[in-house]
Amino acid sequence: MHKLRSWRILDKRRFLNAAMKELAGAAHISFEGNLSSLRLTHLTGASEEETPALRRNTIWPKQNFVVLPLEAGHSKAINSAIGGTIPKAILHIQIEREGRLELGIYDNFQGIACGSALGSQFFEQLQSAGIVKHAENIELANE
């Protein structure tokens, strides 16, 4: 049996900042939703094109989609473009590093999927800081 932990995000802004810091470098971040009131498309390197790792997740109605480079120090400009909080207009956020999807935040933080780059130490540090809370243990049988 493998034990997986399920985490509840208590502070979306701080969680996203920690993830951006952890995954920055040879990485990209995508935002999908009603982005018209945000300044994400004005940031350097912004693209509205999907990549092999960062794909649209909403088929209908078609949402705005932007991909940005994610290097060390970019989080400040990204946060400024988003505003003071993560608005509900942002439906999905994804981060890829070196072509591999490492974080998917879906449906306004209702579903979160993480790759191997965000390990248990990352989540334990966030738990200590009050950013995430352990929700439950899930046991999976070996196949």
Protein backbone atom coordinates (compact mmCIF):
# COMPACT_ATOMS: atom_id res chain seq x y z
CA MET A 1 0.00 0.00 0.00
CA HIS A 2 1.09 3.54 -0.76
CA LYS A 3 -0.16 6.34 1.46
CA LEU A 4 -0.90 9.67 -0.19
CA ARG A 5 -1.81 12.81 1.68
CA SER A 6 -4.55 15.17 0.66
CA TRP A 7 -4.03 18.82 1.47
CA ARG A 8 -6.47 21.67 1.89
CA ILE A 9 -5.19 25.09 0.82
CA LEU A 10 -5.81 27.67 3.56
CA ASP A 11 -4.04 30.63 1.91
CA LYS A 12 -4.24 30.56 -1.90
CA ARG A 13 -1.95 33.55 -2.47
CA ARG A 14 0.83 32.25 -0.23
CA PHE A 15 0.48 28.74 -1.69
CA LEU A 16 0.84 30.04 -5.24
CA ASN A 17 3.82 32.22 -4.26
CA ALA A 18 5.56 29.27 -2.60
CA ALA A 19 4.90 27.04 -5.61
CA MET A 20 6.17 29.69 -8.05
CA LYS A 21 9.34 30.13 -5.98
CA GLU A 22 9.88 26.37 -5.71
CA LEU A 23 9.32 25.69 -9.42
CA ALA A 24 10.93 28.80 -10.97
CA GLY A 25 13.70 28.29 -13.51
CA ALA A 26 13.21 26.77 -16.98
CA ALA A 27 9.49 26.96 -16.18
CA HIS A 28 6.23 28.49 -17.39
CA ILE A 29 2.95 29.28 -15.67
CA SER A 30 -0.46 29.43 -17.32
CA PHE A 31 -3.67 31.11 -16.23
CA GLU A 32 -7.11 30.36 -17.63
CA GLY A 33 -10.39 32.13 -16.98
CA ASN A 34 -11.91 35.55 -17.51
CA LEU A 35 -8.57 37.37 -17.57
CA SER A 36 -9.77 40.52 -19.35
CA SER A 37 -9.52 42.70 -16.22
CA LEU A 38 -6.03 41.41 -15.33
CA ARG A 39 -2.74 42.65 -16.76
CA LEU A 40 -1.20 39.23 -17.39
CA THR A 41 -1.02 39.61 -21.17
CA HIS A 42 1.09 42.76 -20.73
CA LEU A 43 3.93 40.92 -18.98
CA THR A 44 7.16 40.19 -20.84
CA GLY A 45 7.04 36.89 -22.70
CA ALA A 46 3.25 36.47 -22.41
CA SER A 47 1.67 34.15 -24.98
CA GLU A 48 -1.89 33.04 -25.57
CA GLU A 49 -0.73 29.80 -27.19
CA GLU A 50 -0.94 26.41 -25.50
CA THR A 51 2.25 24.39 -25.05
CA PRO A 52 2.62 20.60 -24.96
CA ALA A 53 2.51 20.71 -21.13
CA LEU A 54 0.20 23.69 -20.56
CA ARG A 55 -3.17 23.12 -22.16
CA ARG A 56 -6.57 24.73 -21.89
CA ASN A 57 -8.89 22.93 -19.49
CA THR A 58 -12.20 24.56 -20.35
CA ILE A 59 -13.76 23.66 -23.69
CA TRP A 60 -16.98 25.68 -23.39
CA PRO A 61 -17.29 28.53 -22.94
CA LYS A 62 -13.82 29.28 -24.26
CA GLN A 63 -11.82 31.14 -21.61
CA ASN A 64 -8.87 33.52 -21.88
CA PHE A 65 -5.56 31.67 -21.64
CA VAL A 66 -2.07 33.09 -21.07
CA VAL A 67 1.33 31.44 -20.62
CA LEU A 68 4.17 33.32 -18.92
CA PRO A 69 7.82 32.46 -18.35
CA LEU A 70 8.51 31.62 -14.70
CA GLU A 71 12.03 32.45 -13.65
CA ALA A 72 13.41 33.51 -10.26
CA GLY A 73 12.05 36.95 -9.42
CA HIS A 74 9.05 36.82 -11.81
CA SER A 75 6.50 36.19 -9.07
CA LYS A 76 6.39 39.86 -8.04
CA ALA A 77 5.33 41.00 -11.53
CA ILE A 78 2.83 38.13 -11.79
CA ASN A 79 1.32 39.00 -8.40
CA SER A 80 1.07 42.65 -9.40
CA ALA A 81 -0.76 41.70 -12.62
CA ILE A 82 -3.22 39.50 -10.69
CA GLY A 83 -3.96 42.03 -7.94
CA GLY A 84 -4.20 41.77 -4.15
CA THR A 85 -5.85 38.36 -4.08
CA ILE A 86 -6.29 35.51 -6.52
CA PRO A 87 -9.56 36.50 -8.18
CA LYS A 88 -12.33 33.97 -8.79
CA ALA A 89 -12.08 34.92 -12.47
CA ILE A 90 -8.95 32.72 -12.63
CA LEU A 91 -10.30 29.19 -13.02
CA HIS A 92 -7.13 27.19 -13.63
CA ILE A 93 -3.41 27.72 -12.97
CA GLN A 94 -0.71 25.34 -14.18
CA ILE A 95 3.08 25.34 -13.84
CA GLU A 96 5.43 23.29 -15.97
CA ARG A 97 9.16 22.97 -15.54
CA GLU A 98 11.40 21.60 -18.26
CA GLY A 99 8.34 20.50 -20.25
CA ARG A 100 6.72 18.52 -17.43
CA LEU A 101 3.51 19.59 -15.70
CA GLU A 102 4.43 19.98 -12.02
CA LEU A 103 1.38 21.77 -10.63
CA GLY A 104 -2.22 21.98 -11.73
CA ILE A 105 -4.69 24.09 -9.77
CA TYR A 106 -8.18 23.60 -11.13
CA ASP A 107 -11.66 25.04 -10.55
CA ASN A 108 -10.61 27.86 -8.22
CA PHE A 109 -8.37 25.63 -6.04
CA GLN A 110 -10.98 22.85 -5.75
CA GLY A 111 -8.66 20.33 -7.41
CA ILE A 112 -4.87 20.28 -7.20
CA ALA A 113 -2.44 17.89 -8.84
CA CYS A 114 1.29 17.93 -8.17
CA GLY A 115 4.26 16.39 -9.90
CA SER A 116 7.36 15.04 -8.22
CA ALA A 117 9.03 18.47 -7.94
CA LEU A 118 6.69 19.39 -5.08
CA GLY A 119 7.50 16.74 -2.52
CA SER A 120 6.40 16.08 1.03
CA GLN A 121 9.01 18.48 2.46
CA PHE A 122 7.46 21.35 0.46
CA PHE A 123 4.00 20.59 1.88
CA GLU A 124 5.28 20.04 5.42
CA GLN A 125 6.92 23.50 5.35
CA LEU A 126 3.66 25.02 4.11
CA GLN A 127 1.74 23.19 6.82
CA SER A 128 4.09 24.61 9.48
CA ALA A 129 3.49 28.10 8.06
CA GLY A 130 -0.31 27.64 8.16
CA ILE A 131 -0.68 27.74 4.37
CA VAL A 132 -2.01 24.20 3.94
CA LYS A 133 -3.75 21.76 6.24
CA HIS A 134 -3.60 18.00 6.11
CA ALA A 135 -7.04 16.81 5.07
CA GLU A 136 -6.93 13.01 5.02
CA ASN A 137 -4.88 9.94 4.26
CA ILE A 138 -5.81 7.97 1.18
CA GLU A 139 -4.57 4.41 0.76
CA LEU A 140 -4.01 3.02 -2.70
CA ALA A 141 -3.46 -0.66 -3.35
CA ASN A 142 -0.47 -1.69 -5.44
CA GLU A 143 -1.49 -2.82 -8.89
